């Protein structure tokens, strides 16, 4: 097994263990308020990091391109309180337009 596959297996096993430990460790006990507050912001922070990575990253560097126009248009649609389906359509249209122009 190569080092890359060993890493994939190790990360997968670690993920399974972490997902199993949470419910087993907590098992009916109430979390401290600070921990509960932190858990509320973890998912949006991870999602934001993934969006930025996908919009700006290429390989190991930054490569702003048409995807950035789509993210920006989507952010404007969110700021205007558009429904999520419209945010996706606006972002896709802006990306397509930016690719057609460039």
PDB file of N, CA and C in Angstrom:
ATOM      1  N   UNK A   1       0.852  -1.169   0.000  1.00  0.00           N
ATOM      2  CA  UNK A   1       0.000   0.000   0.000  1.00  0.00           C
ATOM      3  C   UNK A   1       0.899   1.233   0.000  1.00  0.00           C
ATOM      4  N   UNK A   2       0.557   2.195  -0.861  1.00  0.00           N
ATOM      5  CA  UNK A   2       1.360   3.408  -0.948  1.00  0.00           C
ATOM      6  C   UNK A   2       1.071   4.327   0.241  1.00  0.00           C
ATOM      7  N   UNK A   3       1.914   5.311   0.399  1.00  0.00           N
ATOM      8  CA  UNK A   3       1.745   6.259   1.506  1.00  0.00           C
ATOM      9  C   UNK A   3       0.446   7.050   1.356  1.00  0.00           C
ATOM     10  N   UNK A   4       0.076   7.368   0.120  1.00  0.00           N
ATOM     11  CA  UNK A   4      -1.159   8.121  -0.104  1.00  0.00           C
ATOM     12  C   UNK A   4      -2.373   7.304   0.332  1.00  0.00           C
ATOM     13  N   UNK A   5      -2.418   6.032  -0.044  1.00  0.00           N
ATOM     14  CA  UNK A   5      -3.557   5.192   0.350  1.00  0.00           C
ATOM     15  C   UNK A   5      -3.565   4.939   1.846  1.00  0.00           C
ATOM     16  N   UNK A   6      -2.397   4.818   2.444  1.00  0.00           N
ATOM     17  CA  UNK A   6      -2.341   4.655   3.894  1.00  0.00           C
ATOM     18  C   UNK A   6      -2.910   5.892   4.591  1.00  0.00           C
ATOM     19  N   UNK A   7      -2.631   7.076   4.039  1.00  0.00           N
ATOM     20  CA  UNK A   7      -3.185   8.305   4.598  1.00  0.00           C
ATOM     21  C   UNK A   7      -4.699   8.346   4.452  1.00  0.00           C
ATOM     22  N   UNK A   8      -5.196   7.916   3.294  1.00  0.00           N
ATOM     23  CA  UNK A   8      -6.645   7.898   3.069  1.00  0.00           C
ATOM     24  C   UNK A   8      -7.321   6.962   4.062  1.00  0.00           C
ATOM     25  N   UNK A   9      -6.759   5.788   4.264  1.00  0.00           N
ATOM     26  CA  UNK A   9      -7.329   4.829   5.202  1.00  0.00           C
ATOM     27  C   UNK A   9      -7.274   5.373   6.629  1.00  0.00           C
ATOM     28  N   UNK A  10      -6.167   5.998   6.999  1.00  0.00           N
ATOM     29  CA  UNK A  10      -6.023   6.534   8.355  1.00  0.00           C
ATOM     30  C   UNK A  10      -7.020   7.669   8.604  1.00  0.00           C
ATOM     31  N   UNK A  11      -7.178   8.550   7.639  1.00  0.00           N
ATOM     32  CA  UNK A  11      -8.123   9.653   7.810  1.00  0.00           C
ATOM     33  C   UNK A  11      -9.556   9.118   7.864  1.00  0.00           C
ATOM     34  N   UNK A  12      -9.865   8.139   7.031  1.00  0.00           N
ATOM     35  CA  UNK A  12     -11.198   7.536   7.065  1.00  0.00           C
ATOM     36  C   UNK A  12     -11.493   6.879   8.398  1.00  0.00           C
ATOM     37  N   UNK A  13     -10.526   6.126   8.909  1.00  0.00           N
ATOM     38  CA  UNK A  13     -10.712   5.471  10.209  1.00  0.00           C
ATOM     39  C   UNK A  13     -10.850   6.506  11.321  1.00  0.00           C
ATOM     40  N   UNK A  14     -10.037   7.548  11.253  1.00  0.00           N
ATOM     41  CA  UNK A  14     -10.134   8.601  12.258  1.00  0.00           C
ATOM     42  C   UNK A  14     -11.482   9.297  12.226  1.00  0.00           C
ATOM     43  N   UNK A  15     -12.022   9.501  11.040  1.00  0.00           N
ATOM     44  CA  UNK A  15     -13.333  10.130  10.909  1.00  0.00           C
ATOM     45  C   UNK A  15     -14.419   9.268  11.536  1.00  0.00           C
ATOM     46  N   UNK A  16     -14.361   7.971  11.263  1.00  0.00           N
ATOM     47  CA  UNK A  16     -15.350   7.050  11.843  1.00  0.00           C
ATOM     48  C   UNK A  16     -15.257   7.052  13.361  1.00  0.00           C
ATOM     49  N   UNK A  17     -14.045   7.028  13.880  1.00  0.00           N
ATOM     50  CA  UNK A  17     -13.859   7.029  15.335  1.00  0.00           C
ATOM     51  C   UNK A  17     -14.398   8.320  15.946  1.00  0.00           C
ATOM     52  N   UNK A  18     -14.069   9.453  15.336  1.00  0.00           N
ATOM     53  CA  UNK A  18     -14.549  10.730  15.868  1.00  0.00           C
ATOM     54  C   UNK A  18     -16.070  10.828  15.834  1.00  0.00           C
ATOM     55  N   UNK A  19     -16.679  10.331  14.757  1.00  0.00           N
ATOM     56  CA  UNK A  19     -18.138  10.373  14.673  1.00  0.00           C
ATOM     57  C   UNK A  19     -18.779   9.453  15.701  1.00  0.00           C
ATOM     58  N   UNK A  20     -18.120   8.361  16.032  1.00  0.00           N
ATOM     59  CA  UNK A  20     -18.669   7.425  17.014  1.00  0.00           C
ATOM     60  C   UNK A  20     -18.445   7.915  18.438  1.00  0.00           C
ATOM     61  N   UNK A  21     -17.341   8.582  18.700  1.00  0.00           N
ATOM     62  CA  UNK A  21     -17.011   9.007  20.053  1.00  0.00           C
ATOM     63  C   UNK A  21     -17.983  10.070  20.559  1.00  0.00           C
ATOM     64  N   UNK A  22     -18.405  10.984  19.693  1.00  0.00           N
ATOM     65  CA  UNK A  22     -19.297  12.054  20.118  1.00  0.00           C
ATOM     66  C   UNK A  22     -20.560  11.551  20.791  1.00  0.00           C
ATOM     67  N   UNK A  23     -21.384  10.764  20.109  1.00  0.00           N
ATOM     68  CA  UNK A  23     -22.609  10.272  20.744  1.00  0.00           C
ATOM     69  C   UNK A  23     -22.353   9.375  21.948  1.00  0.00           C
ATOM     70  N   UNK A  24     -21.303   8.575  21.896  1.00  0.00           N
ATOM     71  CA  UNK A  24     -21.012   7.679  23.018  1.00  0.00           C
ATOM     72  C   UNK A  24     -20.560   8.473  24.234  1.00  0.00           C
ATOM     73  N   UNK A  25     -19.715   9.476  24.024  1.00  0.00           N
ATOM     74  CA  UNK A  25     -19.188  10.255  25.140  1.00  0.00           C
ATOM     75  C   UNK A  25     -20.263  11.145  25.768  1.00  0.00           C
ATOM     76  N   UNK A  26     -21.100  11.733  24.946  1.00  0.00           N
ATOM     77  CA  UNK A  26     -22.116  12.637  25.472  1.00  0.00           C
ATOM     78  C   UNK A  26     -23.289  11.853  26.048  1.00  0.00           C
ATOM     79  N   UNK A  27     -23.812  10.918  25.311  1.00  0.00           N
ATOM     80  CA  UNK A  27     -24.900   9.998  25.681  1.00  0.00           C
ATOM     81  C   UNK A  27     -25.894  10.556  26.699  1.00  0.00           C
ATOM     82  N   UNK A  28     -26.634  11.556  26.287  1.00  0.00           N
ATOM     83  CA  UNK A  28     -27.714  12.060  27.128  1.00  0.00           C
ATOM     84  C   UNK A  28     -27.337  13.208  28.038  1.00  0.00           C
ATOM     85  N   UNK A  29     -26.066  13.471  28.220  1.00  0.00           N
ATOM     86  CA  UNK A  29     -25.670  14.600  29.070  1.00  0.00           C
ATOM     87  C   UNK A  29     -25.760  15.894  28.287  1.00  0.00           C
ATOM     88  N   UNK A  30     -26.045  16.954  28.996  1.00  0.00           N
ATOM     89  CA  UNK A  30     -26.130  18.261  28.357  1.00  0.00           C
ATOM     90  C   UNK A  30     -24.726  18.843  28.222  1.00  0.00           C
ATOM     91  N   UNK A  31     -24.443  19.396  27.044  1.00  0.00           N
ATOM     92  CA  UNK A  31     -23.145  20.012  26.806  1.00  0.00           C
ATOM     93  C   UNK A  31     -23.075  21.366  27.501  1.00  0.00           C
ATOM     94  N   UNK A  32     -21.871  21.770  27.920  1.00  0.00           N
ATOM     95  CA  UNK A  32     -21.721  23.115  28.475  1.00  0.00           C
ATOM     96  C   UNK A  32     -22.124  24.160  27.425  1.00  0.00           C
ATOM     97  N   UNK A  33     -22.679  25.277  27.848  1.00  0.00           N
ATOM     98  CA  UNK A  33     -23.148  26.291  26.883  1.00  0.00           C
ATOM     99  C   UNK A  33     -22.062  26.753  25.910  1.00  0.00           C
ATOM    100  N   UNK A  34     -20.832  26.901  26.398  1.00  0.00           N
ATOM    101  CA  UNK A  34     -19.747  27.349  25.514  1.00  0.00           C
ATOM    102  C   UNK A  34     -19.481  26.338  24.415  1.00  0.00           C
ATOM    103  N   UNK A  35     -19.488  25.054  24.746  1.00  0.00           N
ATOM    104  CA  UNK A  35     -19.264  24.009  23.747  1.00  0.00           C
ATOM    105  C   UNK A  35     -20.418  23.977  22.752  1.00  0.00           C
ATOM    106  N   UNK A  36     -21.639  24.104  23.239  1.00  0.00           N
ATOM    107  CA  UNK A  36     -22.802  24.117  22.353  1.00  0.00           C
ATOM    108  C   UNK A  36     -22.733  25.302  21.391  1.00  0.00           C
ATOM    109  N   UNK A  37     -22.316  26.467  21.887  1.00  0.00           N
ATOM    110  CA  UNK A  37     -22.180  27.641  21.029  1.00  0.00           C
ATOM    111  C   UNK A  37     -21.111  27.428  19.964  1.00  0.00           C
ATOM    112  N   UNK A  38     -19.997  26.809  20.344  1.00  0.00           N
ATOM    113  CA  UNK A  38     -18.937  26.526  19.375  1.00  0.00           C
ATOM    114  C   UNK A  38     -19.408  25.549  18.310  1.00  0.00           C
ATOM    115  N   UNK A  39     -20.160  24.539  18.703  1.00  0.00           N
ATOM    116  CA  UNK A  39     -20.658  23.573  17.729  1.00  0.00           C
ATOM    117  C   UNK A  39     -21.618  24.213  16.739  1.00  0.00           C
ATOM    118  N   UNK A  40     -22.325  25.252  17.170  1.00  0.00           N
ATOM    119  CA  UNK A  40     -23.249  25.950  16.275  1.00  0.00           C
ATOM    120  C   UNK A  40     -22.525  26.689  15.157  1.00  0.00           C
ATOM    121  N   UNK A  41     -21.285  27.122  15.392  1.00  0.00           N
ATOM    122  CA  UNK A  41     -20.569  27.889  14.373  1.00  0.00           C
ATOM    123  C   UNK A  41     -19.562  27.058  13.581  1.00  0.00           C
ATOM    124  N   UNK A  42     -19.374  25.799  13.942  1.00  0.00           N
ATOM    125  CA  UNK A  42     -18.393  24.969  13.246  1.00  0.00           C
ATOM    126  C   UNK A  42     -18.829  24.685  11.811  1.00  0.00           C
ATOM    127  N   UNK A  43     -20.060  24.261  11.606  1.00  0.00           N
ATOM    128  CA  UNK A  43     -20.517  23.910  10.262  1.00  0.00           C
ATOM    129  C   UNK A  43     -20.458  25.093   9.295  1.00  0.00           C
ATOM    130  N   UNK A  44     -20.962  26.275   9.658  1.00  0.00           N
ATOM    131  CA  UNK A  44     -20.837  27.402   8.718  1.00  0.00           C
ATOM    132  C   UNK A  44     -19.384  27.776   8.429  1.00  0.00           C
ATOM    133  N   UNK A  45     -18.518  27.661   9.424  1.00  0.00           N
ATOM    134  CA  UNK A  45     -17.105  27.993   9.202  1.00  0.00           C
ATOM    135  C   UNK A  45     -16.454  27.012   8.237  1.00  0.00           C
ATOM    136  N   UNK A  46     -16.758  25.735   8.385  1.00  0.00           N
ATOM    137  CA  UNK A  46     -16.204  24.730   7.476  1.00  0.00           C
ATOM    138  C   UNK A  46     -16.751  24.935   6.070  1.00  0.00           C
ATOM    139  N   UNK A  47     -18.049  25.215   5.958  1.00  0.00           N
ATOM    140  CA  UNK A  47     -18.642  25.463   4.650  1.00  0.00           C
ATOM    141  C   UNK A  47     -18.006  26.677   3.984  1.00  0.00           C
ATOM    142  N   UNK A  48     -17.787  27.742   4.740  1.00  0.00           N
ATOM    143  CA  UNK A  48     -17.153  28.938   4.182  1.00  0.00           C
ATOM    144  C   UNK A  48     -15.736  28.627   3.707  1.00  0.00           C
ATOM    145  N   UNK A  49     -14.998  27.849   4.479  1.00  0.00           N
ATOM    146  CA  UNK A  49     -13.641  27.482   4.081  1.00  0.00           C
ATOM    147  C   UNK A  49     -13.648  26.661   2.796  1.00  0.00           C
ATOM    148  N   UNK A  50     -14.598  25.747   2.674  1.00  0.00           N
ATOM    149  CA  UNK A  50     -14.690  24.952   1.443  1.00  0.00           C
ATOM    150  C   UNK A  50     -15.044  25.811   0.239  1.00  0.00           C
ATOM    151  N   UNK A  51     -15.956  26.755   0.416  1.00  0.00           N
ATOM    152  CA  UNK A  51     -16.346  27.630  -0.694  1.00  0.00           C
ATOM    153  C   UNK A  51     -15.163  28.471  -1.139  1.00  0.00           C
ATOM    154  N   UNK A  52     -14.437  29.046  -0.198  1.00  0.00           N
ATOM    155  CA  UNK A  52     -13.281  29.882  -0.551  1.00  0.00           C
ATOM    156  C   UNK A  52     -12.204  29.046  -1.231  1.00  0.00           C
ATOM    157  N   UNK A  53     -11.957  27.849  -0.707  1.00  0.00           N
ATOM    158  CA  UNK A  53     -10.947  26.976  -1.309  1.00  0.00           C
ATOM    159  C   UNK A  53     -11.319  26.607  -2.736  1.00  0.00           C
ATOM    160  N   UNK A  54     -12.574  26.263  -2.954  1.00  0.00           N
ATOM    161  CA  UNK A  54     -13.011  25.889  -4.296  1.00  0.00           C
ATOM    162  C   UNK A  54     -13.057  27.088  -5.243  1.00  0.00           C
ATOM    163  N   UNK A  55     -13.375  28.260  -4.718  1.00  0.00           N
ATOM    164  CA  UNK A  55     -13.498  29.438  -5.574  1.00  0.00           C
ATOM    165  C   UNK A  55     -12.151  30.038  -5.941  1.00  0.00           C
ATOM    166  N   UNK A  56     -11.183  29.935  -5.059  1.00  0.00           N
ATOM    167  CA  UNK A  56      -9.907  30.606  -5.285  1.00  0.00           C
ATOM    168  C   UNK A  56      -8.724  29.681  -5.498  1.00  0.00           C
ATOM    169  N   UNK A  57      -8.868  28.421  -5.159  1.00  0.00           N
ATOM    170  CA  UNK A  57      -7.712  27.549  -5.187  1.00  0.00           C
ATOM    171  C   UNK A  57      -7.553  26.774  -6.474  1.00  0.00           C
ATOM    172  N   UNK A  58      -6.303  26.560  -6.814  1.00  0.00           N
ATOM    173  CA  UNK A  58      -5.953  25.671  -7.913  1.00  0.00           C
ATOM    174  C   UNK A  58      -4.614  25.053  -7.540  1.00  0.00           C
ATOM    175  N   UNK A  59      -4.632  23.771  -7.300  1.00  0.00           N
ATOM    176  CA  UNK A  59      -3.413  23.113  -6.849  1.00  0.00           C
ATOM    177  C   UNK A  59      -3.055  23.613  -5.460  1.00  0.00           C
ATOM    178  N   UNK A  60      -1.850  24.148  -5.326  1.00  0.00           N
ATOM    179  CA  UNK A  60      -1.404  24.667  -4.033  1.00  0.00           C
ATOM    180  C   UNK A  60      -1.360  26.189  -4.002  1.00  0.00           C
ATOM    181  N   UNK A  61      -1.927  26.825  -5.005  1.00  0.00           N
ATOM    182  CA  UNK A  61      -1.864  28.287  -5.047  1.00  0.00           C
ATOM    183  C   UNK A  61      -3.232  28.897  -5.263  1.00  0.00           C
ATOM    184  N   UNK A  62      -3.236  30.201  -5.380  1.00  0.00           N
ATOM    185  CA  UNK A  62      -4.461  30.938  -5.634  1.00  0.00           C
ATOM    186  C   UNK A  62      -4.613  31.175  -7.129  1.00  0.00           C
ATOM    187  N   UNK A  63      -5.823  31.014  -7.611  1.00  0.00           N
ATOM    188  CA  UNK A  63      -6.101  31.246  -9.021  1.00  0.00           C
ATOM    189  C   UNK A  63      -7.495  31.834  -9.166  1.00  0.00           C
ATOM    190  N   UNK A  64      -7.649  33.122  -8.873  1.00  0.00           N
ATOM    191  CA  UNK A  64      -8.978  33.716  -9.040  1.00  0.00           C
ATOM    192  C   UNK A  64      -9.380  33.693 -10.509  1.00  0.00           C
ATOM    193  N   UNK A  65     -10.546  33.160 -10.776  1.00  0.00           N
ATOM    194  CA  UNK A  65     -11.043  33.075 -12.141  1.00  0.00           C
ATOM    195  C   UNK A  65     -12.550  33.279 -12.141  1.00  0.00           C
ATOM    196  N   UNK A  66     -13.241  32.704 -13.092  1.00  0.00           N
ATOM    197  CA  UNK A  66     -14.685  32.910 -13.242  1.00  0.00           C
ATOM    198  C   UNK A  66     -15.472  32.420 -12.030  1.00  0.00           C
ATOM    199  N   UNK A  67     -14.941  31.440 -11.316  1.00  0.00           N
ATOM    200  CA  UNK A  67     -15.645  30.936 -10.130  1.00  0.00           C
ATOM    201  C   UNK A  67     -15.820  32.029  -9.090  1.00  0.00           C
ATOM    202  N   UNK A  68     -14.869  32.913  -9.003  1.00  0.00           N
ATOM    203  CA  UNK A  68     -14.953  34.011  -8.035  1.00  0.00           C
ATOM    204  C   UNK A  68     -16.127  34.952  -8.359  1.00  0.00           C
ATOM    205  N   UNK A  69     -16.385  35.159  -9.638  1.00  0.00           N
ATOM    206  CA  UNK A  69     -17.537  35.984 -10.035  1.00  0.00           C
ATOM    207  C   UNK A  69     -18.831  35.316  -9.582  1.00  0.00           C
ATOM    208  N   UNK A  70     -18.916  34.000  -9.700  1.00  0.00           N
ATOM    209  CA  UNK A  70     -20.105  33.283  -9.256  1.00  0.00           C
ATOM    210  C   UNK A  70     -20.311  33.376  -7.759  1.00  0.00           C
ATOM    211  N   UNK A  71     -19.232  33.243  -7.004  1.00  0.00           N
ATOM    212  CA  UNK A  71     -19.329  33.356  -5.543  1.00  0.00           C
ATOM    213  C   UNK A  71     -19.751  34.764  -5.155  1.00  0.00           C
ATOM    214  N   UNK A  72     -19.165  35.759  -5.811  1.00  0.00           N
ATOM    215  CA  UNK A  72     -19.539  37.144  -5.512  1.00  0.00           C
ATOM    216  C   UNK A  72     -21.004  37.421  -5.820  1.00  0.00           C
ATOM    217  N   UNK A  73     -21.475  36.936  -6.960  1.00  0.00           N
ATOM    218  CA  UNK A  73     -22.888  37.128  -7.313  1.00  0.00           C
ATOM    219  C   UNK A  73     -23.793  36.391  -6.333  1.00  0.00           C
ATOM    220  N   UNK A  74     -23.368  35.208  -5.905  1.00  0.00           N
ATOM    221  CA  UNK A  74     -24.143  34.468  -4.921  1.00  0.00           C
ATOM    222  C   UNK A  74     -24.210  35.202  -3.590  1.00  0.00           C
ATOM    223  N   UNK A  75     -23.105  35.808  -3.188  1.00  0.00           N
ATOM    224  CA  UNK A  75     -23.098  36.577  -1.947  1.00  0.00           C
ATOM    225  C   UNK A  75     -24.044  37.786  -2.026  1.00  0.00           C
ATOM    226  N   UNK A  76     -24.062  38.432  -3.186  1.00  0.00           N
ATOM    227  CA  UNK A  76     -24.985  39.561  -3.354  1.00  0.00           C
ATOM    228  C   UNK A  76     -26.428  39.069  -3.263  1.00  0.00           C
ATOM    229  N   UNK A  77     -26.713  37.932  -3.896  1.00  0.00           N
ATOM    230  CA  UNK A  77     -28.069  37.384  -3.840  1.00  0.00           C
ATOM    231  C   UNK A  77     -28.457  37.020  -2.409  1.00  0.00           C
ATOM    232  N   UNK A  78     -27.507  36.477  -1.651  1.00  0.00           N
ATOM    233  CA  UNK A  78     -27.781  36.153  -0.243  1.00  0.00           C
ATOM    234  C   UNK A  78     -28.046  37.424   0.551  1.00  0.00           C
ATOM    235  N   UNK A  79     -27.237  38.459   0.299  1.00  0.00           N
ATOM    236  CA  UNK A  79     -27.429  39.727   1.012  1.00  0.00           C
ATOM    237  C   UNK A  79     -28.794  40.342   0.709  1.00  0.00           C
ATOM    238  N   UNK A  80     -29.309  40.065  -0.484  1.00  0.00           N
ATOM    239  CA  UNK A  80     -30.632  40.576  -0.866  1.00  0.00           C
ATOM    240  C   UNK A  80     -31.756  39.629  -0.437  1.00  0.00           C
ATOM    241  N   UNK A  81     -31.400  38.616   0.345  1.00  0.00           N
ATOM    242  CA  UNK A  81     -32.374  37.651   0.891  1.00  0.00           C
ATOM    243  C   UNK A  81     -33.110  36.856  -0.181  1.00  0.00           C
ATOM    244  N   UNK A  82     -32.396  36.474  -1.237  1.00  0.00           N
ATOM    245  CA  UNK A  82     -32.989  35.647  -2.292  1.00  0.00           C
ATOM    246  C   UNK A  82     -33.121  34.212  -1.782  1.00  0.00           C
ATOM    247  N   UNK A  83     -34.076  33.455  -2.311  1.00  0.00           N
ATOM    248  CA  UNK A  83     -34.181  32.047  -1.931  1.00  0.00           C
ATOM    249  C   UNK A  83     -32.953  31.272  -2.423  1.00  0.00           C
ATOM    250  N   UNK A  84     -32.654  30.168  -1.776  1.00  0.00           N
ATOM    251  CA  UNK A  84     -31.415  29.443  -2.057  1.00  0.00           C
ATOM    252  C   UNK A  84     -31.330  28.976  -3.504  1.00  0.00           C
ATOM    253  N   UNK A  85     -32.452  28.574  -4.088  1.00  0.00           N
ATOM    254  CA  UNK A  85     -32.398  28.133  -5.483  1.00  0.00           C
ATOM    255  C   UNK A  85     -31.991  29.284  -6.395  1.00  0.00           C
ATOM    256  N   UNK A  86     -32.443  30.492  -6.077  1.00  0.00           N
ATOM    257  CA  UNK A  86     -32.085  31.651  -6.883  1.00  0.00           C
ATOM    258  C   UNK A  86     -30.613  32.019  -6.687  1.00  0.00           C
ATOM    259  N   UNK A  87     -30.109  31.841  -5.483  1.00  0.00           N
ATOM    260  CA  UNK A  87     -28.689  32.090  -5.216  1.00  0.00           C
ATOM    261  C   UNK A  87     -27.832  31.184  -6.090  1.00  0.00           C
ATOM    262  N   UNK A  88     -28.213  29.922  -6.179  1.00  0.00           N
ATOM    263  CA  UNK A  88     -27.459  28.962  -6.996  1.00  0.00           C
ATOM    264  C   UNK A  88     -27.535  29.343  -8.475  1.00  0.00           C
ATOM    265  N   UNK A  89     -28.721  29.699  -8.939  1.00  0.00           N
ATOM    266  CA  UNK A  89     -28.891  30.079 -10.349  1.00  0.00           C
ATOM    267  C   UNK A  89     -28.097  31.339 -10.671  1.00  0.00           C
ATOM    268  N   UNK A  90     -28.145  32.324  -9.794  1.00  0.00           N
ATOM    269  CA  UNK A  90     -27.405  33.574 -10.015  1.00  0.00           C
ATOM    270  C   UNK A  90     -25.901  33.301 -10.043  1.00  0.00           C
ATOM    271  N   UNK A  91     -25.431  32.496  -9.108  1.00  0.00           N
ATOM    272  CA  UNK A  91     -24.003  32.169  -9.081  1.00  0.00           C
ATOM    273  C   UNK A  91     -23.560  31.423 -10.327  1.00  0.00           C
ATOM    274  N   UNK A  92     -24.365  30.463 -10.766  1.00  0.00           N
ATOM    275  CA  UNK A  92     -24.026  29.703 -11.978  1.00  0.00           C
ATOM    276  C   UNK A  92     -24.049  30.603 -13.208  1.00  0.00           C
ATOM    277  N   UNK A  93     -25.037  31.476 -13.283  1.00  0.00           N
ATOM    278  CA  UNK A  93     -25.124  32.380 -14.428  1.00  0.00           C
ATOM    279  C   UNK A  93     -23.947  33.348 -14.463  1.00  0.00           C
ATOM    280  N   UNK A  94     -23.572  33.869 -13.305  1.00  0.00           N
ATOM    281  CA  UNK A  94     -22.429  34.792 -13.257  1.00  0.00           C
ATOM    282  C   UNK A  94     -21.139  34.088 -13.645  1.00  0.00           C
ATOM    283  N   UNK A  95     -20.975  32.844 -13.196  1.00  0.00           N
ATOM    284  CA  UNK A  95     -19.783  32.080 -13.570  1.00  0.00           C
ATOM    285  C   UNK A  95     -19.755  31.829 -15.075  1.00  0.00           C
ATOM    286  N   UNK A  96     -20.901  31.424 -15.623  1.00  0.00           N
ATOM    287  CA  UNK A  96     -20.972  31.163 -17.064  1.00  0.00           C
ATOM    288  C   UNK A  96     -20.692  32.429 -17.871  1.00  0.00           C
ATOM    289  N   UNK A  97     -21.249  33.545 -17.427  1.00  0.00           N
ATOM    290  CA  UNK A  97     -21.019  34.809 -18.119  1.00  0.00           C
ATOM    291  C   UNK A  97     -19.551  35.216 -18.063  1.00  0.00           C
ATOM    292  N   UNK A  98     -18.950  35.066 -16.901  1.00  0.00           N
ATOM    293  CA  UNK A  98     -17.528  35.421 -16.764  1.00  0.00           C
ATOM    294  C   UNK A  98     -16.644  34.523 -17.630  1.00  0.00           C
ATOM    295  N   UNK A  99     -17.010  33.251 -17.736  1.00  0.00           N
ATOM    296  CA  UNK A  99     -16.222  32.348 -18.597  1.00  0.00           C
ATOM    297  C   UNK A  99     -16.414  32.684 -20.062  1.00  0.00           C
ATOM    298  N   UNK A 100     -17.632  33.093 -20.427  1.00  0.00           N
ATOM    299  CA  UNK A 100     -17.890  33.448 -21.839  1.00  0.00           C
ATOM    300  C   UNK A 100     -17.162  34.719 -22.236  1.00  0.00           C
ATOM    301  N   UNK A 101     -17.047  35.658 -21.300  1.00  0.00           N
ATOM    302  CA  UNK A 101     -16.395  36.932 -21.593  1.00  0.00           C
ATOM    303  C   UNK A 101     -14.882  36.777 -21.638  1.00  0.00           C
ATOM    304  N   UNK A 102     -14.339  35.952 -20.774  1.00  0.00           N
ATOM    305  CA  UNK A 102     -12.870  35.836 -20.724  1.00  0.00           C
ATOM    306  C   UNK A 102     -12.320  34.812 -21.668  1.00  0.00           C
TER     307      UNK A 102
END
